[in-house]
Amino acid sequence: MTQPTSIPLVSPAEETIHVGPLAIRFLLTGDNSSGSVAMFELSVPGGQRLQAPAHSHDHYEETIYGIEGVITFTVNGEPFDIGPGQTLCIPRGAIHRFDNNLDRDVKALCVITPAAIGPEYFREMAEVGRAAAGGPPDRARMIEIMVRHGLTPALPSQ
């Protein structure tokens, strides 16, 4: 039997990344899984809409598992309400976004396979929000970061 070369970490990041009102806490990164999977906890306050444009990604699937509250993902124009114990797999190439349309806070587990995105994407997006100093974030900068990290922003009508 071959022994593993390293012991897996239970929680590689104690860091919580705040992107505007959203909170992201990585539980597993590609660095900890040989690139096979990334997993993060997403917290969205009640009534919050995603500031970034709807987008797709061609290099990974994104699976959402509801923990608390109800979050609405719109995938290819169709809304899906994800509550505790429910799962949604967003396939590669599907245009999607999410919103918390209710007053109750949401917590969801997001799984990225393979681990094509990690904490650095969210750190960069958080910086755009901080630079806005309470105003609207720089949409062109957000789009540049998205594209550099493998996300394809949707056209405004999507």
C-alpha atoms as a PDB file:
ATOM      1  CA  MET A   1       0.000   0.000   0.000  1.00  0.00           C
ATOM      2  CA  THR A   2       1.368   3.399  -0.987  1.00  0.00           C
ATOM      3  CA  GLN A   3       1.437   6.003   1.734  1.00  0.00           C
ATOM      4  CA  PRO A   4       0.176   9.509   0.860  1.00  0.00           C
ATOM      5  CA  THR A   5       2.949  12.068   0.342  1.00  0.00           C
ATOM      6  CA  SER A   6       1.150  14.632   2.474  1.00  0.00           C
ATOM      7  CA  ILE A   7      -1.619  14.673   5.007  1.00  0.00           C
ATOM      8  CA  PRO A   8      -4.746  16.463   3.735  1.00  0.00           C
ATOM      9  CA  LEU A   9      -5.787  19.592   5.574  1.00  0.00           C
ATOM     10  CA  VAL A  10      -9.219  19.671   7.140  1.00  0.00           C
ATOM     11  CA  SER A  11      -9.662  23.378   6.494  1.00  0.00           C
ATOM     12  CA  PRO A  12      -6.853  24.999   4.506  1.00  0.00           C
ATOM     13  CA  ALA A  13      -8.141  28.555   4.832  1.00  0.00           C
ATOM     14  CA  GLU A  14      -9.254  30.194   8.004  1.00  0.00           C
ATOM     15  CA  GLU A  15      -9.637  33.349   5.912  1.00  0.00           C
ATOM     16  CA  THR A  16     -13.077  34.743   5.157  1.00  0.00           C
ATOM     17  CA  ILE A  17     -13.063  36.838   1.997  1.00  0.00           C
ATOM     18  CA  HIS A  18     -15.676  39.594   1.898  1.00  0.00           C
ATOM     19  CA  VAL A  19     -16.810  40.579  -1.587  1.00  0.00           C
ATOM     20  CA  GLY A  20     -19.172  43.401  -0.766  1.00  0.00           C
ATOM     21  CA  PRO A  21     -21.836  41.831   1.464  1.00  0.00           C
ATOM     22  CA  LEU A  22     -20.905  38.264   0.441  1.00  0.00           C
ATOM     23  CA  ALA A  23     -18.608  36.111   2.561  1.00  0.00           C
ATOM     24  CA  ILE A  24     -16.543  33.296   1.058  1.00  0.00           C
ATOM     25  CA  ARG A  25     -14.548  30.800   3.105  1.00  0.00           C
ATOM     26  CA  PHE A  26     -12.566  28.150   1.243  1.00  0.00           C
ATOM     27  CA  LEU A  27     -12.645  24.716   2.828  1.00  0.00           C
ATOM     28  CA  LEU A  28     -10.562  23.011   0.140  1.00  0.00           C
ATOM     29  CA  THR A  29      -8.489  24.473  -2.687  1.00  0.00           C
ATOM     30  CA  GLY A  30      -6.932  22.984  -5.784  1.00  0.00           C
ATOM     31  CA  ASP A  31      -3.575  23.161  -3.998  1.00  0.00           C
ATOM     32  CA  ASN A  32      -4.943  20.744  -1.392  1.00  0.00           C
ATOM     33  CA  SER A  33      -6.624  18.350  -3.850  1.00  0.00           C
ATOM     34  CA  SER A  34      -4.122  17.964  -6.702  1.00  0.00           C
ATOM     35  CA  GLY A  35      -6.387  20.282  -8.680  1.00  0.00           C
ATOM     36  CA  SER A  36      -9.380  17.943  -8.633  1.00  0.00           C
ATOM     37  CA  VAL A  37     -11.802  19.972  -6.486  1.00  0.00           C
ATOM     38  CA  ALA A  38     -12.243  23.272  -4.685  1.00  0.00           C
ATOM     39  CA  MET A  39     -14.921  23.829  -2.081  1.00  0.00           C
ATOM     40  CA  PHE A  40     -16.064  26.989  -0.347  1.00  0.00           C
ATOM     41  CA  GLU A  41     -18.811  28.168   1.945  1.00  0.00           C
ATOM     42  CA  LEU A  42     -20.816  31.106   0.597  1.00  0.00           C
ATOM     43  CA  SER A  43     -22.834  33.391   2.893  1.00  0.00           C
ATOM     44  CA  VAL A  44     -25.282  35.886   1.365  1.00  0.00           C
ATOM     45  CA  PRO A  45     -27.255  38.339   3.531  1.00  0.00           C
ATOM     46  CA  GLY A  46     -31.003  38.604   3.009  1.00  0.00           C
ATOM     47  CA  GLY A  47     -32.079  40.664   0.021  1.00  0.00           C
ATOM     48  CA  GLN A  48     -28.649  40.769  -1.644  1.00  0.00           C
ATOM     49  CA  ARG A  49     -28.214  40.563  -5.397  1.00  0.00           C
ATOM     50  CA  LEU A  50     -24.973  39.504  -7.059  1.00  0.00           C
ATOM     51  CA  GLN A  51     -23.082  42.603  -8.231  1.00  0.00           C
ATOM     52  CA  ALA A  52     -20.959  40.764 -10.780  1.00  0.00           C
ATOM     53  CA  PRO A  53     -22.471  40.070 -14.199  1.00  0.00           C
ATOM     54  CA  ALA A  54     -24.063  36.738 -15.022  1.00  0.00           C
ATOM     55  CA  HIS A  55     -21.390  34.453 -16.403  1.00  0.00           C
ATOM     56  CA  SER A  56     -20.441  31.003 -17.580  1.00  0.00           C
ATOM     57  CA  HIS A  57     -17.318  28.907 -17.311  1.00  0.00           C
ATOM     58  CA  ASP A  58     -16.149  26.343 -19.828  1.00  0.00           C
ATOM     59  CA  HIS A  59     -13.521  24.596 -17.702  1.00  0.00           C
ATOM     60  CA  TYR A  60     -15.439  23.445 -14.634  1.00  0.00           C
ATOM     61  CA  GLU A  61     -18.793  22.535 -13.132  1.00  0.00           C
ATOM     62  CA  GLU A  62     -20.130  24.372 -10.115  1.00  0.00           C
ATOM     63  CA  THR A  63     -22.325  22.447  -7.695  1.00  0.00           C
ATOM     64  CA  ILE A  64     -24.295  24.276  -5.015  1.00  0.00           C
ATOM     65  CA  TYR A  65     -25.606  22.602  -1.846  1.00  0.00           C
ATOM     66  CA  GLY A  66     -28.028  24.606   0.308  1.00  0.00           C
ATOM     67  CA  ILE A  67     -27.280  24.761   4.035  1.00  0.00           C
ATOM     68  CA  GLU A  68     -29.432  27.644   5.367  1.00  0.00           C
ATOM     69  CA  GLY A  69     -32.015  29.913   3.756  1.00  0.00           C
ATOM     70  CA  VAL A  70     -33.023  29.887   0.091  1.00  0.00           C
ATOM     71  CA  ILE A  71     -30.827  31.203  -2.705  1.00  0.00           C
ATOM     72  CA  THR A  72     -32.099  31.654  -6.254  1.00  0.00           C
ATOM     73  CA  PHE A  73     -29.764  30.666  -9.067  1.00  0.00           C
ATOM     74  CA  THR A  74     -30.812  31.635 -12.559  1.00  0.00           C
ATOM     75  CA  VAL A  75     -29.297  29.202 -15.056  1.00  0.00           C
ATOM     76  CA  ASN A  76     -29.799  29.829 -18.765  1.00  0.00           C
ATOM     77  CA  GLY A  77     -32.731  32.091 -17.876  1.00  0.00           C
ATOM     78  CA  GLU A  78     -34.503  29.580 -15.599  1.00  0.00           C
ATOM     79  CA  PRO A  79     -34.688  30.285 -11.832  1.00  0.00           C
ATOM     80  CA  PHE A  80     -33.933  27.544  -9.313  1.00  0.00           C
ATOM     81  CA  ASP A  81     -34.563  28.063  -5.585  1.00  0.00           C
ATOM     82  CA  ILE A  82     -32.014  26.091  -3.566  1.00  0.00           C
ATOM     83  CA  GLY A  83     -32.846  25.514   0.088  1.00  0.00           C
ATOM     84  CA  PRO A  84     -31.318  23.381   2.840  1.00  0.00           C
ATOM     85  CA  GLY A  85     -30.436  19.902   1.609  1.00  0.00           C
ATOM     86  CA  GLN A  86     -31.025  20.766  -2.063  1.00  0.00           C
ATOM     87  CA  THR A  87     -28.377  20.616  -4.770  1.00  0.00           C
ATOM     88  CA  LEU A  88     -27.913  22.293  -8.138  1.00  0.00           C
ATOM     89  CA  CYS A  89     -25.149  21.365 -10.586  1.00  0.00           C
ATOM     90  CA  ILE A  90     -24.359  24.150 -13.057  1.00  0.00           C
ATOM     91  CA  PRO A  91     -22.850  22.579 -16.172  1.00  0.00           C
ATOM     92  CA  ARG A  92     -19.951  24.015 -18.121  1.00  0.00           C
ATOM     93  CA  GLY A  93     -21.054  26.779 -20.473  1.00  0.00           C
ATOM     94  CA  ALA A  94     -24.353  27.533 -18.695  1.00  0.00           C
ATOM     95  CA  ILE A  95     -24.972  31.253 -18.092  1.00  0.00           C
ATOM     96  CA  HIS A  96     -25.838  31.789 -14.446  1.00  0.00           C
ATOM     97  CA  ARG A  97     -26.077  34.180 -11.533  1.00  0.00           C
ATOM     98  CA  PHE A  98     -27.541  34.088  -8.037  1.00  0.00           C
ATOM     99  CA  ASP A  99     -29.565  36.335  -5.766  1.00  0.00           C
ATOM    100  CA  ASN A 100     -30.958  36.121  -2.272  1.00  0.00           C
ATOM    101  CA  ASN A 101     -34.518  37.332  -2.878  1.00  0.00           C
ATOM    102  CA  LEU A 102     -35.703  36.742   0.691  1.00  0.00           C
ATOM    103  CA  ASP A 103     -35.044  38.493   4.009  1.00  0.00           C
ATOM    104  CA  ARG A 104     -33.269  35.494   5.549  1.00  0.00           C
ATOM    105  CA  ASP A 105     -29.497  35.037   5.236  1.00  0.00           C
ATOM    106  CA  VAL A 106     -28.256  32.185   3.071  1.00  0.00           C
ATOM    107  CA  LYS A 107     -25.393  29.770   3.526  1.00  0.00           C
ATOM    108  CA  ALA A 108     -24.434  27.354   0.758  1.00  0.00           C
ATOM    109  CA  LEU A 109     -21.581  25.019  -0.030  1.00  0.00           C
ATOM    110  CA  CYS A 110     -20.070  25.502  -3.496  1.00  0.00           C
ATOM    111  CA  VAL A 111     -17.998  22.758  -5.128  1.00  0.00           C
ATOM    112  CA  ILE A 112     -15.854  23.466  -8.192  1.00  0.00           C
ATOM    113  CA  THR A 113     -14.710  20.471 -10.272  1.00  0.00           C
ATOM    114  CA  PRO A 114     -11.971  20.532 -11.310  1.00  0.00           C
ATOM    115  CA  ALA A 115     -10.537  23.236  -9.064  1.00  0.00           C
ATOM    116  CA  ALA A 116     -10.117  25.883 -11.776  1.00  0.00           C
ATOM    117  CA  ILE A 117     -10.842  28.806  -9.446  1.00  0.00           C
ATOM    118  CA  GLY A 118      -9.633  29.604  -5.966  1.00  0.00           C
ATOM    119  CA  PRO A 119      -9.356  32.260  -3.270  1.00  0.00           C
ATOM    120  CA  GLU A 120      -7.299  34.650  -5.410  1.00  0.00           C
ATOM    121  CA  TYR A 121     -10.280  35.340  -7.705  1.00  0.00           C
ATOM    122  CA  PHE A 122     -12.424  36.385  -4.735  1.00  0.00           C
ATOM    123  CA  ARG A 123      -9.598  38.424  -3.161  1.00  0.00           C
ATOM    124  CA  GLU A 124      -9.269  40.414  -6.400  1.00  0.00           C
ATOM    125  CA  MET A 125     -13.038  40.946  -6.639  1.00  0.00           C
ATOM    126  CA  ALA A 126     -13.077  42.064  -2.990  1.00  0.00           C
ATOM    127  CA  GLU A 127     -10.442  44.681  -3.794  1.00  0.00           C
ATOM    128  CA  VAL A 128     -12.662  46.091  -6.573  1.00  0.00           C
ATOM    129  CA  GLY A 129     -15.444  46.481  -4.017  1.00  0.00           C
ATOM    130  CA  ARG A 130     -13.163  48.175  -1.496  1.00  0.00           C
ATOM    131  CA  ALA A 131     -11.876  50.560  -4.178  1.00  0.00           C
ATOM    132  CA  ALA A 132     -15.476  51.597  -4.914  1.00  0.00           C
ATOM    133  CA  ALA A 133     -15.697  52.998  -1.351  1.00  0.00           C
ATOM    134  CA  GLY A 134     -19.427  52.353  -1.061  1.00  0.00           C
ATOM    135  CA  GLY A 135     -20.239  53.292  -4.645  1.00  0.00           C
ATOM    136  CA  PRO A 136     -20.878  50.915  -7.526  1.00  0.00           C
ATOM    137  CA  PRO A 137     -17.892  48.671  -8.303  1.00  0.00           C
ATOM    138  CA  ASP A 138     -15.858  49.215 -11.478  1.00  0.00           C
ATOM    139  CA  ARG A 139     -17.674  46.862 -13.851  1.00  0.00           C
ATOM    140  CA  ALA A 140     -14.873  46.883 -16.444  1.00  0.00           C
ATOM    141  CA  ARG A 141     -12.350  45.840 -13.770  1.00  0.00           C
ATOM    142  CA  MET A 142     -14.705  43.104 -12.531  1.00  0.00           C
ATOM    143  CA  ILE A 143     -15.043  41.754 -16.073  1.00  0.00           C
ATOM    144  CA  GLU A 144     -11.256  41.813 -16.582  1.00  0.00           C
ATOM    145  CA  ILE A 145     -10.766  39.770 -13.393  1.00  0.00           C
ATOM    146  CA  MET A 146     -13.519  37.342 -14.370  1.00  0.00           C
ATOM    147  CA  VAL A 147     -11.993  36.717 -17.809  1.00  0.00           C
ATOM    148  CA  ARG A 148      -8.486  36.281 -16.390  1.00  0.00           C
ATOM    149  CA  HIS A 149      -9.818  33.621 -13.993  1.00  0.00           C
ATOM    150  CA  GLY A 150     -11.709  31.682 -16.685  1.00  0.00           C
ATOM    151  CA  LEU A 151     -15.222  33.109 -16.309  1.00  0.00           C
ATOM    152  CA  THR A 152     -17.059  34.429 -19.365  1.00  0.00           C
ATOM    153  CA  PRO A 153     -19.298  37.413 -18.553  1.00  0.00           C
ATOM    154  CA  ALA A 154     -22.684  37.256 -20.266  1.00  0.00           C
ATOM    155  CA  LEU A 155     -23.956  40.055 -22.450  1.00  0.00           C
ATOM    156  CA  PRO A 156     -26.079  42.583 -20.504  1.00  0.00           C
ATOM    157  CA  SER A 157     -29.384  41.180 -21.839  1.00  0.00           C
ATOM    158  CA  GLN A 158     -28.593  37.672 -20.540  1.00  0.00           C
END
